[in-house]
Amino acid sequence: MICCPHHISKDKTVNGMYMPADHDHEKWAAQKKKKFLAIKADKKKRKSESTDKDGTERAEKKQKTSPSKLALNKILQKALTTRLQVSDKECIDIFNEAYAEAADTDADGTSKK
């Protein structure tokens, strides 16, 4: 083992690091940079891909399966079925109608049409 003076801690408290005796710092730094760039490129590629394996858009899938929306649906469906004796199919119809109406109105309640 040899002490390589090029390895310095970020806070400058450690000056050097023990490395194998055959350590070539320039070669090691080049390999580290190559790995870093490969990981960065792969991450950028995965982020830019907008479709999943099944061909659906990620943003579309995320919007359809929003956890808060699903939780609210389950709570409302339970309330409608137990208190108002509405069937599951009728609940789904009510939700779909409400979502369509919400999509056709602005935040202030005025119609977009």
N, C-alpha and C. Protein backbone atom coordinates (compact mmCIF):
# COMPACT_ATOMS: atom_id res chain seq x y z
N MET A 1 0.85 -1.18 0.00
CA MET A 1 0.00 0.00 0.00
C MET A 1 0.89 1.24 0.00
N ILE A 2 0.43 2.23 -0.77
CA ILE A 2 1.12 3.51 -0.81
C ILE A 2 0.13 4.62 -0.53
N CYS A 3 0.62 5.73 -0.08
CA CYS A 3 -0.24 6.88 0.18
C CYS A 3 -0.28 7.74 -1.07
N CYS A 4 -1.47 7.92 -1.63
CA CYS A 4 -1.63 8.74 -2.84
C CYS A 4 -2.04 10.14 -2.41
N PRO A 5 -1.21 11.15 -2.64
CA PRO A 5 -1.50 12.50 -2.18
C PRO A 5 -2.63 13.19 -2.95
N HIS A 6 -3.07 12.60 -4.04
CA HIS A 6 -4.13 13.22 -4.85
C HIS A 6 -5.52 13.03 -4.23
N HIS A 7 -5.65 12.06 -3.32
CA HIS A 7 -6.94 11.78 -2.68
C HIS A 7 -7.04 12.61 -1.42
N ILE A 8 -7.81 13.70 -1.49
CA ILE A 8 -7.98 14.61 -0.37
C ILE A 8 -9.46 14.68 -0.04
N SER A 9 -9.78 14.66 1.26
CA SER A 9 -11.18 14.72 1.67
C SER A 9 -11.79 16.07 1.32
N LYS A 10 -13.10 16.11 1.23
CA LYS A 10 -13.80 17.34 0.84
C LYS A 10 -13.57 18.47 1.84
N ASP A 11 -13.47 18.11 3.11
CA ASP A 11 -13.25 19.16 4.12
C ASP A 11 -11.77 19.43 4.38
N LYS A 12 -10.91 18.80 3.58
CA LYS A 12 -9.44 19.02 3.61
C LYS A 12 -8.78 18.55 4.91
N THR A 13 -9.47 17.71 5.71
CA THR A 13 -8.87 17.23 6.95
C THR A 13 -7.98 16.01 6.71
N VAL A 14 -8.26 15.24 5.66
CA VAL A 14 -7.45 14.06 5.33
C VAL A 14 -6.70 14.36 4.06
N ASN A 15 -5.38 14.28 4.13
CA ASN A 15 -4.54 14.59 2.98
C ASN A 15 -3.87 13.29 2.53
N GLY A 16 -4.44 12.65 1.53
CA GLY A 16 -3.90 11.39 1.02
C GLY A 16 -4.76 10.21 1.44
N MET A 17 -4.60 9.12 0.69
CA MET A 17 -5.35 7.91 0.99
C MET A 17 -4.50 6.72 0.57
N TYR A 18 -4.54 5.67 1.37
CA TYR A 18 -3.77 4.48 1.02
C TYR A 18 -4.44 3.75 -0.12
N MET A 19 -3.64 3.45 -1.12
CA MET A 19 -4.10 2.76 -2.32
C MET A 19 -3.17 1.57 -2.59
N PRO A 20 -3.58 0.64 -3.45
CA PRO A 20 -2.68 -0.48 -3.78
C PRO A 20 -1.35 0.04 -4.34
N ALA A 21 -0.31 -0.76 -4.18
CA ALA A 21 1.04 -0.33 -4.57
C ALA A 21 1.14 0.01 -6.05
N ASP A 22 0.35 -0.65 -6.89
CA ASP A 22 0.41 -0.39 -8.33
C ASP A 22 -0.59 0.69 -8.77
N HIS A 23 -1.00 1.55 -7.86
CA HIS A 23 -2.01 2.59 -8.13
C HIS A 23 -1.47 3.65 -9.08
N ASP A 24 -2.18 3.86 -10.18
CA ASP A 24 -1.86 4.93 -11.13
C ASP A 24 -3.02 5.92 -11.06
N HIS A 25 -2.80 7.07 -10.44
CA HIS A 25 -3.89 8.00 -10.17
C HIS A 25 -4.57 8.50 -11.45
N GLU A 26 -3.83 8.80 -12.50
CA GLU A 26 -4.42 9.31 -13.73
C GLU A 26 -5.35 8.27 -14.35
N LYS A 27 -4.91 7.02 -14.37
CA LYS A 27 -5.74 5.94 -14.93
C LYS A 27 -6.99 5.75 -14.07
N TRP A 28 -6.82 5.76 -12.75
CA TRP A 28 -7.94 5.60 -11.83
C TRP A 28 -8.96 6.73 -12.01
N ALA A 29 -8.48 7.98 -12.12
CA ALA A 29 -9.36 9.13 -12.29
C ALA A 29 -10.12 9.06 -13.61
N ALA A 30 -9.44 8.61 -14.68
CA ALA A 30 -10.09 8.49 -15.98
C ALA A 30 -11.20 7.44 -15.93
N GLN A 31 -10.93 6.29 -15.27
CA GLN A 31 -11.95 5.25 -15.16
C GLN A 31 -13.13 5.73 -14.33
N LYS A 32 -12.85 6.45 -13.26
CA LYS A 32 -13.92 6.96 -12.40
C LYS A 32 -14.80 7.95 -13.18
N LYS A 33 -14.17 8.83 -13.95
CA LYS A 33 -14.92 9.80 -14.75
C LYS A 33 -15.76 9.10 -15.81
N LYS A 34 -15.19 8.06 -16.43
CA LYS A 34 -15.91 7.30 -17.46
C LYS A 34 -17.14 6.63 -16.87
N LYS A 35 -17.00 6.01 -15.68
CA LYS A 35 -18.14 5.38 -15.00
C LYS A 35 -19.21 6.41 -14.67
N PHE A 36 -18.77 7.56 -14.14
CA PHE A 36 -19.70 8.61 -13.77
C PHE A 36 -20.50 9.10 -14.97
N LEU A 37 -19.82 9.33 -16.09
CA LEU A 37 -20.50 9.81 -17.30
C LEU A 37 -21.45 8.75 -17.85
N ALA A 38 -21.08 7.47 -17.76
CA ALA A 38 -21.96 6.39 -18.23
C ALA A 38 -23.23 6.33 -17.39
N ILE A 39 -23.08 6.46 -16.09
CA ILE A 39 -24.24 6.43 -15.19
C ILE A 39 -25.13 7.63 -15.46
N LYS A 40 -24.52 8.80 -15.64
CA LYS A 40 -25.28 10.02 -15.90
C LYS A 40 -26.04 9.92 -17.23
N ALA A 41 -25.39 9.37 -18.25
CA ALA A 41 -26.05 9.22 -19.56
C ALA A 41 -27.21 8.23 -19.47
N ASP A 42 -27.00 7.14 -18.73
CA ASP A 42 -28.07 6.14 -18.57
C ASP A 42 -29.26 6.74 -17.82
N LYS A 43 -28.97 7.52 -16.79
CA LYS A 43 -30.04 8.16 -16.03
C LYS A 43 -30.83 9.13 -16.90
N LYS A 44 -30.10 9.90 -17.71
CA LYS A 44 -30.76 10.86 -18.61
C LYS A 44 -31.61 10.13 -19.65
N LYS A 45 -31.10 9.00 -20.16
CA LYS A 45 -31.84 8.22 -21.15
C LYS A 45 -33.13 7.68 -20.55
N ARG A 46 -33.02 7.11 -19.33
CA ARG A 46 -34.22 6.57 -18.68
C ARG A 46 -35.23 7.66 -18.39
N LYS A 47 -34.75 8.83 -18.01
CA LYS A 47 -35.66 9.94 -17.70
C LYS A 47 -36.36 10.45 -18.95
N SER A 48 -35.64 10.43 -20.08
CA SER A 48 -36.22 10.96 -21.31
C SER A 48 -37.22 9.99 -21.95
N GLU A 49 -37.12 8.72 -21.61
CA GLU A 49 -38.09 7.76 -22.17
C GLU A 49 -39.44 8.02 -21.54
N SER A 50 -40.40 8.31 -22.39
CA SER A 50 -41.71 8.70 -21.86
C SER A 50 -42.70 7.54 -21.81
N THR A 51 -42.31 6.37 -22.29
CA THR A 51 -43.23 5.24 -22.26
C THR A 51 -42.64 4.09 -21.46
N ASP A 52 -43.50 3.33 -20.83
CA ASP A 52 -43.10 2.14 -20.10
C ASP A 52 -43.04 0.96 -21.07
N LYS A 53 -42.71 -0.21 -20.53
CA LYS A 53 -42.61 -1.41 -21.36
C LYS A 53 -43.93 -1.76 -22.04
N ASP A 54 -45.04 -1.47 -21.35
CA ASP A 54 -46.34 -1.81 -21.93
C ASP A 54 -46.84 -0.76 -22.92
N GLY A 55 -46.05 0.30 -23.17
CA GLY A 55 -46.40 1.28 -24.19
C GLY A 55 -47.23 2.45 -23.71
N THR A 56 -47.58 2.48 -22.43
CA THR A 56 -48.38 3.59 -21.92
C THR A 56 -47.48 4.74 -21.51
N GLU A 57 -47.99 5.92 -21.66
CA GLU A 57 -47.26 7.11 -21.27
C GLU A 57 -47.12 7.15 -19.75
N ARG A 58 -45.92 7.45 -19.25
CA ARG A 58 -45.71 7.49 -17.80
C ARG A 58 -46.55 8.57 -17.15
N ALA A 59 -46.58 9.75 -17.72
CA ALA A 59 -47.36 10.85 -17.13
C ALA A 59 -48.84 10.49 -17.10
N GLU A 60 -49.31 9.86 -18.18
CA GLU A 60 -50.72 9.46 -18.26
C GLU A 60 -51.02 8.40 -17.21
N LYS A 61 -50.13 7.42 -17.08
CA LYS A 61 -50.33 6.36 -16.10
C LYS A 61 -50.31 6.92 -14.69
N LYS A 62 -49.39 7.85 -14.41
CA LYS A 62 -49.29 8.45 -13.09
C LYS A 62 -50.55 9.23 -12.76
N GLN A 63 -51.07 9.95 -13.76
CA GLN A 63 -52.27 10.74 -13.55
C GLN A 63 -53.48 9.84 -13.27
N LYS A 64 -53.56 8.72 -13.99
CA LYS A 64 -54.70 7.82 -13.82
C LYS A 64 -54.68 7.13 -12.47
N THR A 65 -53.50 6.87 -11.93
CA THR A 65 -53.40 6.10 -10.70
C THR A 65 -52.87 6.93 -9.54
N SER A 66 -53.26 8.17 -9.48
CA SER A 66 -52.84 9.03 -8.38
C SER A 66 -53.34 8.45 -7.05
N PRO A 67 -52.45 8.24 -6.07
CA PRO A 67 -52.86 7.62 -4.80
C PRO A 67 -53.96 8.39 -4.08
N SER A 68 -53.89 9.72 -4.08
CA SER A 68 -54.91 10.48 -3.38
C SER A 68 -56.26 10.34 -4.07
N LYS A 69 -56.26 10.29 -5.39
CA LYS A 69 -57.51 10.12 -6.14
C LYS A 69 -58.11 8.75 -5.86
N LEU A 70 -57.26 7.72 -5.83
CA LEU A 70 -57.76 6.37 -5.56
C LEU A 70 -58.29 6.25 -4.14
N ALA A 71 -57.60 6.84 -3.19
CA ALA A 71 -58.05 6.78 -1.80
C ALA A 71 -59.38 7.49 -1.65
N LEU A 72 -59.52 8.63 -2.27
CA LEU A 72 -60.78 9.37 -2.20
C LEU A 72 -61.90 8.58 -2.86
N ASN A 73 -61.60 7.95 -4.01
CA ASN A 73 -62.60 7.12 -4.68
C ASN A 73 -63.09 6.01 -3.77
N LYS A 74 -62.19 5.33 -3.09
CA LYS A 74 -62.57 4.22 -2.22
C LYS A 74 -63.42 4.71 -1.06
N ILE A 75 -63.05 5.84 -0.47
CA ILE A 75 -63.81 6.37 0.67
C ILE A 75 -65.20 6.80 0.22
N LEU A 76 -65.28 7.52 -0.90
CA LEU A 76 -66.58 7.96 -1.40
C LEU A 76 -67.44 6.78 -1.83
N GLN A 77 -66.82 5.79 -2.49
CA GLN A 77 -67.57 4.63 -2.93
C GLN A 77 -68.15 3.88 -1.73
N LYS A 78 -67.36 3.75 -0.67
CA LYS A 78 -67.85 3.06 0.53
C LYS A 78 -69.02 3.83 1.14
N ALA A 79 -68.89 5.16 1.19
CA ALA A 79 -69.97 5.97 1.75
C ALA A 79 -71.24 5.88 0.91
N LEU A 80 -71.09 5.94 -0.40
CA LEU A 80 -72.26 5.86 -1.28
C LEU A 80 -72.95 4.50 -1.21
N THR A 81 -72.15 3.44 -1.14
CA THR A 81 -72.75 2.10 -1.13
C THR A 81 -73.38 1.77 0.22
N THR A 82 -72.76 2.21 1.32
CA THR A 82 -73.31 1.85 2.64
C THR A 82 -74.44 2.77 3.09
N ARG A 83 -74.32 4.05 2.82
CA ARG A 83 -75.32 4.99 3.32
C ARG A 83 -76.46 5.25 2.34
N LEU A 84 -76.15 5.27 1.04
CA LEU A 84 -77.17 5.60 0.06
C LEU A 84 -77.63 4.40 -0.77
N GLN A 85 -77.06 3.23 -0.48
CA GLN A 85 -77.42 1.98 -1.18
C GLN A 85 -77.23 2.10 -2.69
N VAL A 86 -76.13 2.73 -3.11
CA VAL A 86 -75.80 2.87 -4.53
C VAL A 86 -74.89 1.70 -4.91
N SER A 87 -75.11 1.11 -6.07
CA SER A 87 -74.28 -0.02 -6.50
C SER A 87 -72.89 0.46 -6.91
N ASP A 88 -71.94 -0.48 -7.00
CA ASP A 88 -70.57 -0.15 -7.41
C ASP A 88 -70.55 0.47 -8.81
N LYS A 89 -71.35 -0.08 -9.73
CA LYS A 89 -71.40 0.46 -11.09
C LYS A 89 -71.92 1.89 -11.08
N GLU A 90 -72.94 2.15 -10.29
CA GLU A 90 -73.48 3.51 -10.19
C GLU A 90 -72.45 4.47 -9.60
N CYS A 91 -71.65 4.00 -8.64
CA CYS A 91 -70.57 4.82 -8.06
C CYS A 91 -69.57 5.22 -9.13
N ILE A 92 -69.15 4.25 -9.92
CA ILE A 92 -68.18 4.51 -10.98
C ILE A 92 -68.76 5.50 -11.99
N ASP A 93 -70.02 5.35 -12.33
CA ASP A 93 -70.68 6.29 -13.26
C ASP A 93 -70.70 7.70 -12.67
N ILE A 94 -71.00 7.81 -11.38
CA ILE A 94 -71.04 9.11 -10.71
C ILE A 94 -69.65 9.76 -10.74
N PHE A 95 -68.62 8.97 -10.43
CA PHE A 95 -67.24 9.49 -10.44
C PHE A 95 -66.84 9.95 -11.83
N ASN A 96 -67.12 9.12 -12.83
CA ASN A 96 -66.75 9.48 -14.20
C ASN A 96 -67.44 10.76 -14.66
N GLU A 97 -68.69 10.89 -14.30
CA GLU A 97 -69.46 12.10 -14.64
C GLU A 97 -68.87 13.33 -13.94
N ALA A 98 -68.50 13.16 -12.68
CA ALA A 98 -67.91 14.28 -11.93
C ALA A 98 -66.55 14.67 -12.50
N TYR A 99 -65.72 13.68 -12.87
CA TYR A 99 -64.40 13.97 -13.45
C TYR A 99 -64.55 14.68 -14.79
N ALA A 100 -65.51 14.26 -15.60
CA ALA A 100 -65.72 14.90 -16.89
C ALA A 100 -66.17 16.34 -16.70
N GLU A 101 -67.06 16.55 -15.74
CA GLU A 101 -67.54 17.90 -15.46
C GLU A 101 -66.40 18.77 -14.93
N ALA A 102 -65.55 18.20 -14.08
CA ALA A 102 -64.42 18.95 -13.53
C ALA A 102 -63.42 19.31 -14.63
N ALA A 103 -63.25 18.43 -15.59
CA ALA A 103 -62.32 18.70 -16.70
C ALA A 103 -62.85 19.81 -17.60
N ASP A 104 -64.16 20.01 -17.62
CA ASP A 104 -64.77 21.03 -18.48
C ASP A 104 -64.93 22.38 -17.80
N THR A 105 -64.47 22.52 -16.54
CA THR A 105 -64.60 23.80 -15.84
C THR A 105 -63.23 24.31 -15.40
N ASP A 106 -63.11 25.64 -15.31
CA ASP A 106 -61.90 26.27 -14.83
C ASP A 106 -61.87 26.24 -13.32
N ALA A 107 -60.78 26.73 -12.72
CA ALA A 107 -60.62 26.73 -11.27
C ALA A 107 -61.69 27.61 -10.58
N ASP A 108 -62.17 28.65 -11.27
CA ASP A 108 -63.18 29.52 -10.68
C ASP A 108 -64.61 29.02 -10.88
N GLY A 109 -64.76 27.84 -11.52
CA GLY A 109 -66.07 27.25 -11.68
C GLY A 109 -66.78 27.59 -12.97
N THR A 110 -66.16 28.38 -13.83
CA THR A 110 -66.79 28.73 -15.09
C THR A 110 -66.49 27.68 -16.14
N SER A 111 -67.40 27.52 -17.06
CA SER A 111 -67.24 26.51 -18.11
C SER A 111 -66.15 26.89 -19.09
N LYS A 112 -65.36 25.92 -19.53
CA LYS A 112 -64.30 26.15 -20.50
C LYS A 112 -64.86 26.27 -21.92
N LYS A 113 -66.05 25.77 -22.13
CA LYS A 113 -66.65 25.75 -23.47
C LYS A 113 -67.16 27.08 -23.89
